[in-house]
Amino acid sequence: MQAAYIVISVIIVLASVLLTLVVIVQNSKGGGLAANFASGNQTFGVRQTADFLEKLTWGLAATIIVLCIVANFVIPSKKQQNSSALKQQLEQTEQATTPEFPAGTLPVEGANPDAK
């Protein structure tokens, strides 16, 4: 389970970095980095490039969300390890210590042994 969690975590980090780069490249109101590539890109139109980048952005965002949810279920649980260690300690203390009570009777509070 721990190996799966590590793999999912690495994929989340890579998708996050890729998402950051895609958002930076997108053409914003002020121009953005995509404006430099739009003039030289004749095979795809400017509109098609923007559509592709937008779909890629949404796809990466959805991928990150899904992977975060999956990673939540794959996280190695320390509860199971701690509960078993606690259970072993309790069993050892139960076996080692059994309280011994005196054989006599205990005095009752409020009772006066001299009064008859």
PDB file of N, CA and C in Angstrom:
ATOM      1  N   MET A   1       0.814  -1.199   0.000  1.00  0.00           N
ATOM      2  CA  MET A   1       0.000   0.000   0.000  1.00  0.00           C
ATOM      3  C   MET A   1       0.857   1.262   0.000  1.00  0.00           C
ATOM      4  N   GLN A   2       1.990   1.205   0.678  1.00  0.00           N
ATOM      5  CA  GLN A   2       2.827   2.392   0.776  1.00  0.00           C
ATOM      6  C   GLN A   2       3.435   2.738  -0.579  1.00  0.00           C
ATOM      7  N   ALA A   3       3.768   1.738  -1.388  1.00  0.00           N
ATOM      8  CA  ALA A   3       4.336   1.999  -2.714  1.00  0.00           C
ATOM      9  C   ALA A   3       3.302   2.676  -3.613  1.00  0.00           C
ATOM     10  N   ALA A   4       2.051   2.250  -3.513  1.00  0.00           N
ATOM     11  CA  ALA A   4       0.990   2.865  -4.316  1.00  0.00           C
ATOM     12  C   ALA A   4       0.797   4.323  -3.912  1.00  0.00           C
ATOM     13  N   TYR A   5       0.881   4.592  -2.627  1.00  0.00           N
ATOM     14  CA  TYR A   5       0.729   5.973  -2.139  1.00  0.00           C
ATOM     15  C   TYR A   5       1.856   6.852  -2.677  1.00  0.00           C
ATOM     16  N   ILE A   6       3.070   6.330  -2.688  1.00  0.00           N
ATOM     17  CA  ILE A   6       4.209   7.100  -3.197  1.00  0.00           C
ATOM     18  C   ILE A   6       4.049   7.377  -4.687  1.00  0.00           C
ATOM     19  N   VAL A   7       3.619   6.368  -5.451  1.00  0.00           N
ATOM     20  CA  VAL A   7       3.418   6.545  -6.895  1.00  0.00           C
ATOM     21  C   VAL A   7       2.345   7.595  -7.157  1.00  0.00           C
ATOM     22  N   ILE A   8       1.237   7.511  -6.428  1.00  0.00           N
ATOM     23  CA  ILE A   8       0.151   8.484  -6.609  1.00  0.00           C
ATOM     24  C   ILE A   8       0.622   9.887  -6.237  1.00  0.00           C
ATOM     25  N   SER A   9       1.406   9.995  -5.175  1.00  0.00           N
ATOM     26  CA  SER A   9       1.919  11.302  -4.760  1.00  0.00           C
ATOM     27  C   SER A   9       2.833  11.915  -5.817  1.00  0.00           C
ATOM     28  N   VAL A  10       3.681  11.094  -6.423  1.00  0.00           N
ATOM     29  CA  VAL A  10       4.575  11.592  -7.475  1.00  0.00           C
ATOM     30  C   VAL A  10       3.765  12.046  -8.684  1.00  0.00           C
ATOM     31  N   ILE A  11       2.739  11.295  -9.051  1.00  0.00           N
ATOM     32  CA  ILE A  11       1.894  11.680 -10.194  1.00  0.00           C
ATOM     33  C   ILE A  11       1.166  12.993  -9.890  1.00  0.00           C
ATOM     34  N   ILE A  12       0.718  13.178  -8.662  1.00  0.00           N
ATOM     35  CA  ILE A  12       0.046  14.432  -8.279  1.00  0.00           C
ATOM     36  C   ILE A  12       1.003  15.610  -8.417  1.00  0.00           C
ATOM     37  N   VAL A  13       2.239  15.440  -7.971  1.00  0.00           N
ATOM     38  CA  VAL A  13       3.218  16.528  -8.070  1.00  0.00           C
ATOM     39  C   VAL A  13       3.515  16.845  -9.538  1.00  0.00           C
ATOM     40  N   LEU A  14       3.698  15.823 -10.359  1.00  0.00           N
ATOM     41  CA  LEU A  14       3.967  16.058 -11.785  1.00  0.00           C
ATOM     42  C   LEU A  14       2.790  16.747 -12.479  1.00  0.00           C
ATOM     43  N   ALA A  15       1.574  16.293 -12.169  1.00  0.00           N
ATOM     44  CA  ALA A  15       0.391  16.922 -12.761  1.00  0.00           C
ATOM     45  C   ALA A  15       0.251  18.366 -12.302  1.00  0.00           C
ATOM     46  N   SER A  16       0.623  18.649 -11.068  1.00  0.00           N
ATOM     47  CA  SER A  16       0.549  20.023 -10.557  1.00  0.00           C
ATOM     48  C   SER A  16       1.539  20.936 -11.265  1.00  0.00           C
ATOM     49  N   VAL A  17       2.755  20.442 -11.475  1.00  0.00           N
ATOM     50  CA  VAL A  17       3.756  21.236 -12.194  1.00  0.00           C
ATOM     51  C   VAL A  17       3.315  21.466 -13.634  1.00  0.00           C
ATOM     52  N   LEU A  18       2.799  20.418 -14.277  1.00  0.00           N
ATOM     53  CA  LEU A  18       2.317  20.549 -15.653  1.00  0.00           C
ATOM     54  C   LEU A  18       1.140  21.518 -15.733  1.00  0.00           C
ATOM     55  N   LEU A  19       0.244  21.464 -14.767  1.00  0.00           N
ATOM     56  CA  LEU A  19      -0.889  22.392 -14.733  1.00  0.00           C
ATOM     57  C   LEU A  19      -0.412  23.830 -14.584  1.00  0.00           C
ATOM     58  N   THR A  20       0.585  24.043 -13.762  1.00  0.00           N
ATOM     59  CA  THR A  20       1.141  25.389 -13.593  1.00  0.00           C
ATOM     60  C   THR A  20       1.702  25.905 -14.909  1.00  0.00           C
ATOM     61  N   LEU A  21       2.436  25.057 -15.613  1.00  0.00           N
ATOM     62  CA  LEU A  21       3.006  25.474 -16.906  1.00  0.00           C
ATOM     63  C   LEU A  21       1.931  25.764 -17.946  1.00  0.00           C
ATOM     64  N   VAL A  22       0.888  24.944 -17.969  1.00  0.00           N
ATOM     65  CA  VAL A  22      -0.198  25.154 -18.936  1.00  0.00           C
ATOM     66  C   VAL A  22      -0.929  26.460 -18.644  1.00  0.00           C
ATOM     67  N   VAL A  23      -1.143  26.775 -17.388  1.00  0.00           N
ATOM     68  CA  VAL A  23      -1.825  28.024 -17.041  1.00  0.00           C
ATOM     69  C   VAL A  23      -0.965  29.227 -17.411  1.00  0.00           C
ATOM     70  N   ILE A  24       0.339  29.120 -17.220  1.00  0.00           N
ATOM     71  CA  ILE A  24       1.229  30.229 -17.580  1.00  0.00           C
ATOM     72  C   ILE A  24       1.237  30.466 -19.085  1.00  0.00           C
ATOM     73  N   VAL A  25       1.167  29.391 -19.873  1.00  0.00           N
ATOM     74  CA  VAL A  25       1.232  29.506 -21.332  1.00  0.00           C
ATOM     75  C   VAL A  25      -0.064  30.083 -21.912  1.00  0.00           C
ATOM     76  N   GLN A  26      -1.175  29.925 -21.226  1.00  0.00           N
ATOM     77  CA  GLN A  26      -2.462  30.363 -21.777  1.00  0.00           C
ATOM     78  C   GLN A  26      -2.484  31.857 -22.046  1.00  0.00           C
ATOM     79  N   ASN A  27      -3.238  32.222 -23.063  1.00  0.00           N
ATOM     80  CA  ASN A  27      -3.384  33.615 -23.470  1.00  0.00           C
ATOM     81  C   ASN A  27      -4.389  34.292 -22.553  1.00  0.00           C
ATOM     82  N   SER A  28      -3.920  35.246 -21.794  1.00  0.00           N
ATOM     83  CA  SER A  28      -4.817  35.986 -20.917  1.00  0.00           C
ATOM     84  C   SER A  28      -5.197  37.293 -21.590  1.00  0.00           C
ATOM     85  N   LYS A  29      -5.866  38.171 -20.878  1.00  0.00           N
ATOM     86  CA  LYS A  29      -6.262  39.462 -21.444  1.00  0.00           C
ATOM     87  C   LYS A  29      -5.043  40.299 -21.815  1.00  0.00           C
ATOM     88  N   GLY A  30      -3.970  40.123 -21.061  1.00  0.00           N
ATOM     89  CA  GLY A  30      -2.781  40.918 -21.302  1.00  0.00           C
ATOM     90  C   GLY A  30      -1.835  40.324 -22.331  1.00  0.00           C
ATOM     91  N   GLY A  31      -2.079  39.149 -22.822  1.00  0.00           N
ATOM     92  CA  GLY A  31      -1.199  38.568 -23.828  1.00  0.00           C
ATOM     93  C   GLY A  31      -0.688  37.215 -23.416  1.00  0.00           C
ATOM     94  N   GLY A  32       0.036  37.081 -22.332  1.00  0.00           N
ATOM     95  CA  GLY A  32       0.538  35.803 -21.861  1.00  0.00           C
ATOM     96  C   GLY A  32       1.623  35.240 -22.759  1.00  0.00           C
ATOM     97  N   LEU A  33       2.125  34.096 -22.431  1.00  0.00           N
ATOM     98  CA  LEU A  33       3.177  33.468 -23.215  1.00  0.00           C
ATOM     99  C   LEU A  33       2.652  32.858 -24.508  1.00  0.00           C
ATOM    100  N   ALA A  34       1.363  32.534 -24.552  1.00  0.00           N
ATOM    101  CA  ALA A  34       0.798  31.935 -25.751  1.00  0.00           C
ATOM    102  C   ALA A  34       0.794  32.916 -26.921  1.00  0.00           C
ATOM    103  N   ALA A  35       0.843  34.204 -26.658  1.00  0.00           N
ATOM    104  CA  ALA A  35       0.846  35.204 -27.734  1.00  0.00           C
ATOM    105  C   ALA A  35       2.109  35.072 -28.585  1.00  0.00           C
ATOM    106  N   ASN A  36       3.215  34.667 -28.002  1.00  0.00           N
ATOM    107  CA  ASN A  36       4.457  34.499 -28.760  1.00  0.00           C
ATOM    108  C   ASN A  36       4.384  33.306 -29.712  1.00  0.00           C
ATOM    109  N   PHE A  37       3.655  32.271 -29.322  1.00  0.00           N
ATOM    110  CA  PHE A  37       3.575  31.068 -30.137  1.00  0.00           C
ATOM    111  C   PHE A  37       2.441  31.129 -31.149  1.00  0.00           C
ATOM    112  N   ALA A  38       1.470  31.987 -30.939  1.00  0.00           N
ATOM    113  CA  ALA A  38       0.291  32.045 -31.809  1.00  0.00           C
ATOM    114  C   ALA A  38       0.643  32.544 -33.201  1.00  0.00           C
ATOM    115  N   SER A  39       1.571  33.453 -33.345  1.00  0.00           N
ATOM    116  CA  SER A  39       1.884  34.000 -34.662  1.00  0.00           C
ATOM    117  C   SER A  39       2.618  32.985 -35.531  1.00  0.00           C
ATOM    118  N   GLY A  40       3.440  32.125 -34.943  1.00  0.00           N
ATOM    119  CA  GLY A  40       4.195  31.151 -35.717  1.00  0.00           C
ATOM    120  C   GLY A  40       3.455  29.851 -35.908  1.00  0.00           C
ATOM    121  N   ASN A  41       2.344  29.657 -35.251  1.00  0.00           N
ATOM    122  CA  ASN A  41       1.616  28.402 -35.301  1.00  0.00           C
ATOM    123  C   ASN A  41       0.508  28.503 -36.349  1.00  0.00           C
ATOM    124  N   GLN A  42       0.774  28.025 -37.569  1.00  0.00           N
ATOM    125  CA  GLN A  42      -0.209  28.119 -38.638  1.00  0.00           C
ATOM    126  C   GLN A  42      -0.995  26.827 -38.812  1.00  0.00           C
ATOM    127  N   THR A  43      -0.480  25.686 -38.335  1.00  0.00           N
ATOM    128  CA  THR A  43      -1.201  24.427 -38.506  1.00  0.00           C
ATOM    129  C   THR A  43      -2.444  24.393 -37.624  1.00  0.00           C
ATOM    130  N   PHE A  44      -2.321  24.874 -36.415  1.00  0.00           N
ATOM    131  CA  PHE A  44      -3.482  25.019 -35.549  1.00  0.00           C
ATOM    132  C   PHE A  44      -3.826  26.500 -35.513  1.00  0.00           C
ATOM    133  N   GLY A  45      -5.077  26.792 -35.468  1.00  0.00           N
ATOM    134  CA  GLY A  45      -5.457  28.193 -35.347  1.00  0.00           C
ATOM    135  C   GLY A  45      -5.266  28.646 -33.913  1.00  0.00           C
ATOM    136  N   VAL A  46      -5.355  29.947 -33.710  1.00  0.00           N
ATOM    137  CA  VAL A  46      -5.232  30.493 -32.367  1.00  0.00           C
ATOM    138  C   VAL A  46      -6.369  29.961 -31.499  1.00  0.00           C
ATOM    139  N   ARG A  47      -7.541  29.859 -32.075  1.00  0.00           N
ATOM    140  CA  ARG A  47      -8.704  29.397 -31.322  1.00  0.00           C
ATOM    141  C   ARG A  47      -8.545  27.925 -30.935  1.00  0.00           C
ATOM    142  N   GLN A  48      -8.030  27.117 -31.850  1.00  0.00           N
ATOM    143  CA  GLN A  48      -7.846  25.696 -31.552  1.00  0.00           C
ATOM    144  C   GLN A  48      -6.786  25.491 -30.460  1.00  0.00           C
ATOM    145  N   THR A  49      -5.750  26.321 -30.488  1.00  0.00           N
ATOM    146  CA  THR A  49      -4.723  26.223 -29.451  1.00  0.00           C
ATOM    147  C   THR A  49      -5.311  26.593 -28.101  1.00  0.00           C
ATOM    148  N   ALA A  50      -6.119  27.636 -28.054  1.00  0.00           N
ATOM    149  CA  ALA A  50      -6.742  28.057 -26.802  1.00  0.00           C
ATOM    150  C   ALA A  50      -7.695  26.983 -26.290  1.00  0.00           C
ATOM    151  N   ASP A  51      -8.462  26.362 -27.199  1.00  0.00           N
ATOM    152  CA  ASP A  51      -9.371  25.284 -26.797  1.00  0.00           C
ATOM    153  C   ASP A  51      -8.599  24.098 -26.220  1.00  0.00           C
ATOM    154  N   PHE A  52      -7.496  23.746 -26.882  1.00  0.00           N
ATOM    155  CA  PHE A  52      -6.680  22.631 -26.409  1.00  0.00           C
ATOM    156  C   PHE A  52      -6.110  22.926 -25.023  1.00  0.00           C
ATOM    157  N   LEU A  53      -5.591  24.133 -24.835  1.00  0.00           N
ATOM    158  CA  LEU A  53      -5.024  24.493 -23.537  1.00  0.00           C
ATOM    159  C   LEU A  53      -6.093  24.526 -22.443  1.00  0.00           C
ATOM    160  N   GLU A  54      -7.284  24.975 -22.794  1.00  0.00           N
ATOM    161  CA  GLU A  54      -8.363  25.010 -21.810  1.00  0.00           C
ATOM    162  C   GLU A  54      -8.790  23.594 -21.422  1.00  0.00           C
ATOM    163  N   LYS A  55      -8.917  22.707 -22.413  1.00  0.00           N
ATOM    164  CA  LYS A  55      -9.280  21.320 -22.115  1.00  0.00           C
ATOM    165  C   LYS A  55      -8.188  20.626 -21.309  1.00  0.00           C
ATOM    166  N   LEU A  56      -6.940  20.925 -21.621  1.00  0.00           N
ATOM    167  CA  LEU A  56      -5.824  20.348 -20.883  1.00  0.00           C
ATOM    168  C   LEU A  56      -5.826  20.841 -19.436  1.00  0.00           C
ATOM    169  N   THR A  57      -6.150  22.116 -19.250  1.00  0.00           N
ATOM    170  CA  THR A  57      -6.219  22.680 -17.894  1.00  0.00           C
ATOM    171  C   THR A  57      -7.290  21.982 -17.065  1.00  0.00           C
ATOM    172  N   TRP A  58      -8.477  21.856 -17.628  1.00  0.00           N
ATOM    173  CA  TRP A  58      -9.564  21.199 -16.909  1.00  0.00           C
ATOM    174  C   TRP A  58      -9.253  19.719 -16.667  1.00  0.00           C
ATOM    175  N   GLY A  59      -8.657  19.073 -17.640  1.00  0.00           N
ATOM    176  CA  GLY A  59      -8.302  17.661 -17.482  1.00  0.00           C
ATOM    177  C   GLY A  59      -7.274  17.445 -16.381  1.00  0.00           C
ATOM    178  N   LEU A  60      -6.255  18.295 -16.347  1.00  0.00           N
ATOM    179  CA  LEU A  60      -5.237  18.174 -15.300  1.00  0.00           C
ATOM    180  C   LEU A  60      -5.815  18.482 -13.918  1.00  0.00           C
ATOM    181  N   ALA A  61      -6.677  19.483 -13.853  1.00  0.00           N
ATOM    182  CA  ALA A  61      -7.301  19.819 -12.567  1.00  0.00           C
ATOM    183  C   ALA A  61      -8.165  18.654 -12.070  1.00  0.00           C
ATOM    184  N   ALA A  62      -8.936  18.062 -12.959  1.00  0.00           N
ATOM    185  CA  ALA A  62      -9.770  16.914 -12.582  1.00  0.00           C
ATOM    186  C   ALA A  62      -8.904  15.724 -12.174  1.00  0.00           C
ATOM    187  N   THR A  63      -7.809  15.517 -12.880  1.00  0.00           N
ATOM    188  CA  THR A  63      -6.895  14.421 -12.543  1.00  0.00           C
ATOM    189  C   THR A  63      -6.313  14.603 -11.155  1.00  0.00           C
ATOM    190  N   ILE A  64      -5.908  15.822 -10.843  1.00  0.00           N
ATOM    191  CA  ILE A  64      -5.333  16.091  -9.521  1.00  0.00           C
ATOM    192  C   ILE A  64      -6.365  15.844  -8.427  1.00  0.00           C
ATOM    193  N   ILE A  65      -7.600  16.281  -8.642  1.00  0.00           N
ATOM    194  CA  ILE A  65      -8.649  16.084  -7.643  1.00  0.00           C
ATOM    195  C   ILE A  65      -8.916  14.599  -7.420  1.00  0.00           C
ATOM    196  N   VAL A  66      -9.051  13.848  -8.510  1.00  0.00           N
ATOM    197  CA  VAL A  66      -9.328  12.413  -8.392  1.00  0.00           C
ATOM    198  C   VAL A  66      -8.169  11.692  -7.705  1.00  0.00           C
ATOM    199  N   LEU A  67      -6.936  12.032  -8.086  1.00  0.00           N
ATOM    200  CA  LEU A  67      -5.779  11.384  -7.478  1.00  0.00           C
ATOM    201  C   LEU A  67      -5.653  11.721  -5.985  1.00  0.00           C
ATOM    202  N   CYS A  68      -6.017  12.932  -5.611  1.00  0.00           N
ATOM    203  CA  CYS A  68      -5.987  13.291  -4.185  1.00  0.00           C
ATOM    204  C   CYS A  68      -7.002  12.466  -3.392  1.00  0.00           C
ATOM    205  N   ILE A  69      -8.167  12.249  -3.960  1.00  0.00           N
ATOM    206  CA  ILE A  69      -9.184  11.432  -3.287  1.00  0.00           C
ATOM    207  C   ILE A  69      -8.711   9.980  -3.188  1.00  0.00           C
ATOM    208  N   VAL A  70      -8.142   9.451  -4.283  1.00  0.00           N
ATOM    209  CA  VAL A  70      -7.629   8.080  -4.270  1.00  0.00           C
ATOM    210  C   VAL A  70      -6.484   7.946  -3.262  1.00  0.00           C
ATOM    211  N   ALA A  71      -5.606   8.935  -3.211  1.00  0.00           N
ATOM    212  CA  ALA A  71      -4.477   8.888  -2.281  1.00  0.00           C
ATOM    213  C   ALA A  71      -4.959   8.873  -0.837  1.00  0.00           C
ATOM    214  N   ASN A  72      -6.081   9.505  -0.585  1.00  0.00           N
ATOM    215  CA  ASN A  72      -6.643   9.526   0.759  1.00  0.00           C
ATOM    216  C   ASN A  72      -7.032   8.123   1.225  1.00  0.00           C
ATOM    217  N   PHE A  73      -7.494   7.277   0.302  1.00  0.00           N
ATOM    218  CA  PHE A  73      -7.878   5.920   0.661  1.00  0.00           C
ATOM    219  C   PHE A  73      -6.681   4.969   0.704  1.00  0.00           C
ATOM    220  N   VAL A  74      -5.576   5.351   0.071  1.00  0.00           N
ATOM    221  CA  VAL A  74      -4.415   4.471  -0.025  1.00  0.00           C
ATOM    222  C   VAL A  74      -3.362   4.805   1.035  1.00  0.00           C
ATOM    223  N   ILE A  75      -3.568   5.881   1.788  1.00  0.00           N
ATOM    224  CA  ILE A  75      -2.590   6.295   2.798  1.00  0.00           C
ATOM    225  C   ILE A  75      -2.335   5.143   3.757  1.00  0.00           C
ATOM    226  N   PRO A  76      -1.059   4.819   4.005  1.00  0.00           N
ATOM    227  CA  PRO A  76      -0.778   3.768   4.978  1.00  0.00           C
ATOM    228  C   PRO A  76      -1.250   4.194   6.367  1.00  0.00           C
ATOM    229  N   SER A  77      -1.995   3.327   7.007  1.00  0.00           N
ATOM    230  CA  SER A  77      -2.607   3.665   8.293  1.00  0.00           C
ATOM    231  C   SER A  77      -1.701   3.276   9.446  1.00  0.00           C
ATOM    232  N   LYS A  78      -1.414   4.238  10.300  1.00  0.00           N
ATOM    233  CA  LYS A  78      -0.629   3.960  11.499  1.00  0.00           C
ATOM    234  C   LYS A  78      -1.542   3.519  12.635  1.00  0.00           C
ATOM    235  N   LYS A  79      -2.846   3.675  12.474  1.00  0.00           N
ATOM    236  CA  LYS A  79      -3.790   3.269  13.507  1.00  0.00           C
ATOM    237  C   LYS A  79      -3.683   1.772  13.774  1.00  0.00           C
ATOM    238  N   GLN A  80      -3.613   0.992  12.705  1.00  0.00           N
ATOM    239  CA  GLN A  80      -3.563  -0.456  12.851  1.00  0.00           C
ATOM    240  C   GLN A  80      -2.291  -0.867  13.579  1.00  0.00           C
ATOM    241  N   GLN A  81      -1.182  -0.253  13.249  1.00  0.00           N
ATOM    242  CA  GLN A  81       0.079  -0.589  13.902  1.00  0.00           C
ATOM    243  C   GLN A  81       0.047  -0.177  15.369  1.00  0.00           C
ATOM    244  N   ASN A  82      -0.464   1.010  15.655  1.00  0.00           N
ATOM    245  CA  ASN A  82      -0.526   1.483  17.032  1.00  0.00           C
ATOM    246  C   ASN A  82      -1.498   0.661  17.871  1.00  0.00           C
ATOM    247  N   SER A  83      -2.635   0.279  17.294  1.00  0.00           N
ATOM    248  CA  SER A  83      -3.617  -0.477  18.059  1.00  0.00           C
ATOM    249  C   SER A  83      -3.090  -1.867  18.384  1.00  0.00           C
ATOM    250  N   SER A  84      -2.342  -2.482  17.480  1.00  0.00           N
ATOM    251  CA  SER A  84      -1.803  -3.808  17.771  1.00  0.00           C
ATOM    252  C   SER A  84      -0.716  -3.724  18.837  1.00  0.00           C
ATOM    253  N   ALA A  85       0.106  -2.681  18.802  1.00  0.00           N
ATOM    254  CA  ALA A  85       1.136  -2.507  19.821  1.00  0.00           C
ATOM    255  C   ALA A  85       0.496  -2.239  21.181  1.00  0.00           C
ATOM    256  N   LEU A  86      -0.559  -1.441  21.193  1.00  0.00           N
ATOM    257  CA  LEU A  86      -1.272  -1.147  22.434  1.00  0.00           C
ATOM    258  C   LEU A  86      -1.925  -2.415  22.980  1.00  0.00           C
ATOM    259  N   LYS A  87      -2.482  -3.213  22.096  1.00  0.00           N
ATOM    260  CA  LYS A  87      -3.119  -4.461  22.510  1.00  0.00           C
ATOM    261  C   LYS A  87      -2.100  -5.407  23.137  1.00  0.00           C
ATOM    262  N   GLN A  88      -0.910  -5.491  22.561  1.00  0.00           N
ATOM    263  CA  GLN A  88       0.143  -6.345  23.119  1.00  0.00           C
ATOM    264  C   GLN A  88       0.565  -5.853  24.502  1.00  0.00           C
ATOM    265  N   GLN A  89       0.701  -4.549  24.663  1.00  0.00           N
ATOM    266  CA  GLN A  89       1.078  -4.002  25.963  1.00  0.00           C
ATOM    267  C   GLN A  89       0.015  -4.292  27.021  1.00  0.00           C
ATOM    268  N   LEU A  90      -1.249  -4.164  26.639  1.00  0.00           N
ATOM    269  CA  LEU A  90      -2.323  -4.454  27.588  1.00  0.00           C
ATOM    270  C   LEU A  90      -2.326  -5.914  28.000  1.00  0.00           C
ATOM    271  N   GLU A  91      -2.108  -6.804  27.045  1.00  0.00           N
ATOM    272  CA  GLU A  91      -2.080  -8.224  27.364  1.00  0.00           C
ATOM    273  C   GLU A  91      -0.916  -8.558  28.292  1.00  0.00           C
ATOM    274  N   GLN A  92       0.224  -7.921  28.080  1.00  0.00           N
ATOM    275  CA  GLN A  92       1.384  -8.178  28.930  1.00  0.00           C
ATOM    276  C   GLN A  92       1.151  -7.667  30.348  1.00  0.00           C
ATOM    277  N   THR A  93       0.550  -6.504  30.479  1.00  0.00           N
ATOM    278  CA  THR A  93       0.309  -5.964  31.824  1.00  0.00           C
ATOM    279  C   THR A  93      -0.764  -6.765  32.554  1.00  0.00           C
ATOM    280  N   GLU A  94      -1.743  -7.300  31.846  1.00  0.00           N
ATOM    281  CA  GLU A  94      -2.773  -8.113  32.486  1.00  0.00           C
ATOM    282  C   GLU A  94      -2.180  -9.396  33.035  1.00  0.00           C
ATOM    283  N   GLN A  95      -1.272  -9.987  32.311  1.00  0.00           N
ATOM    284  CA  GLN A  95      -0.661 -11.243  32.750  1.00  0.00           C
ATOM    285  C   GLN A  95       0.333 -11.002  33.885  1.00  0.00           C
ATOM    286  N   ALA A  96       1.039  -9.914  33.849  1.00  0.00           N
ATOM    287  CA  ALA A  96       2.100  -9.662  34.818  1.00  0.00           C
ATOM    288  C   ALA A  96       1.560  -9.198  36.165  1.00  0.00           C
ATOM    289  N   THR A  97       0.542  -8.392  36.165  1.00  0.00           N
ATOM    290  CA  THR A  97       0.070  -7.826  37.430  1.00  0.00           C
ATOM    291  C   THR A  97      -1.372  -8.221  37.706  1.00  0.00           C
ATOM    292  N   THR A  98      -1.552  -8.981  38.759  1.00  0.00           N
ATOM    293  CA  THR A  98      -2.886  -9.252  39.272  1.00  0.00           C
ATOM    294  C   THR A  98      -2.912  -8.750  40.703  1.00  0.00           C
ATOM    295  N   PRO A  99      -3.817  -7.869  41.027  1.00  0.00           N
ATOM    296  CA  PRO A  99      -3.827  -7.271  42.363  1.00  0.00           C
ATOM    297  C   PRO A  99      -4.193  -8.311  43.430  1.00  0.00           C
ATOM    298  N   GLU A 100      -3.560  -8.190  44.572  1.00  0.00           N
ATOM    299  CA  GLU A 100      -3.856  -9.071  45.702  1.00  0.00           C
ATOM    300  C   GLU A 100      -4.492  -8.236  46.813  1.00  0.00           C
ATOM    301  N   PHE A 101      -5.611  -8.693  47.286  1.00  0.00           N
ATOM    302  CA  PHE A 101      -6.342  -7.988  48.331  1.00  0.00           C
ATOM    303  C   PHE A 101      -6.113  -8.691  49.672  1.00  0.00           C
ATOM    304  N   PRO A 102      -6.158  -7.945  50.768  1.00  0.00           N
ATOM    305  CA  PRO A 102      -5.996  -8.587  52.081  1.00  0.00           C
ATOM    306  C   PRO A 102      -7.168  -9.515  52.378  1.00  0.00           C
ATOM    307  N   ALA A 103      -6.910 -10.516  53.206  1.00  0.00           N
ATOM    308  CA  ALA A 103      -7.923 -11.534  53.499  1.00  0.00           C
ATOM    309  C   ALA A 103      -8.973 -11.045  54.481  1.00  0.00           C
ATOM    310  N   GLY A 104      -8.678 -10.014  55.248  1.00  0.00           N
ATOM    311  CA  GLY A 104      -9.618  -9.530  56.263  1.00  0.00           C
ATOM    312  C   GLY A 104     -10.728  -8.697  55.663  1.00  0.00           C
ATOM    313  N   THR A 105     -11.636  -8.267  56.544  1.00  0.00           N
ATOM    314  CA  THR A 105     -12.745  -7.424  56.090  1.00  0.00           C
ATOM    315  C   THR A 105     -12.345  -5.964  56.219  1.00  0.00           C
ATOM    316  N   LEU A 106     -12.918  -5.175  55.407  1.00  0.00           N
ATOM    317  CA  LEU A 106     -12.640  -3.746  55.419  1.00  0.00           C
ATOM    318  C   LEU A 106     -13.614  -3.046  56.360  1.00  0.00           C
ATOM    319  N   PRO A 107     -13.153  -2.039  57.111  1.00  0.00           N
ATOM    320  CA  PRO A 107     -14.077  -1.318  58.004  1.00  0.00           C
ATOM    321  C   PRO A 107     -15.055  -0.475  57.186  1.00  0.00           C
ATOM    322  N   VAL A 108     -16.251  -0.363  57.674  1.00  0.00           N
ATOM    323  CA  VAL A 108     -17.292   0.405  57.010  1.00  0.00           C
ATOM    324  C   VAL A 108     -17.245   1.821  57.559  1.00  0.00           C
ATOM    325  N   GLU A 109     -17.348   2.801  56.689  1.00  0.00           N
ATOM    326  CA  GLU A 109     -17.304   4.194  57.112  1.00  0.00           C
ATOM    327  C   GLU A 109     -18.534   4.544  57.926  1.00  0.00           C
ATOM    328  N   GLY A 110     -18.353   5.300  58.950  1.00  0.00           N
ATOM    329  CA  GLY A 110     -19.463   5.754  59.750  1.00  0.00           C
ATOM    330  C   GLY A 110     -19.889   4.749  60.828  1.00  0.00           C
ATOM    331  N   ALA A 111     -19.378   3.551  60.746  1.00  0.00           N
ATOM    332  CA  ALA A 111     -19.762   2.557  61.759  1.00  0.00           C
ATOM    333  C   ALA A 111     -18.832   2.684  62.955  1.00  0.00           C
ATOM    334  N   ASN A 112     -19.396   2.718  64.137  1.00  0.00           N
ATOM    335  CA  ASN A 112     -18.626   2.830  65.379  1.00  0.00           C
ATOM    336  C   ASN A 112     -18.524   1.428  65.995  1.00  0.00           C
ATOM    337  N   PRO A 113     -17.319   0.847  66.030  1.00  0.00           N
ATOM    338  CA  PRO A 113     -17.214  -0.509  66.561  1.00  0.00           C
ATOM    339  C   PRO A 113     -17.480  -0.581  68.068  1.00  0.00           C
ATOM    340  N   ASP A 114     -17.351   0.554  68.802  1.00  0.00           N
ATOM    341  CA  ASP A 114     -17.572   0.536  70.241  1.00  0.00           C
ATOM    342  C   ASP A 114     -19.054   0.625  70.587  1.00  0.00           C
ATOM    343  N   ALA A 115     -19.863   1.163  69.716  1.00  0.00           N
ATOM    344  CA  ALA A 115     -21.290   1.327  70.013  1.00  0.00           C
ATOM    345  C   ALA A 115     -22.013   0.018  69.771  1.00  0.00           C
ATOM    346  N   LYS A 116     -22.939  -0.312  70.714  1.00  0.00           N
ATOM    347  CA  LYS A 116     -23.703  -1.563  70.577  1.00  0.00           C
ATOM    348  C   LYS A 116     -25.160  -1.308  70.582  1.00  0.00           C
TER     349      LYS A 116
END
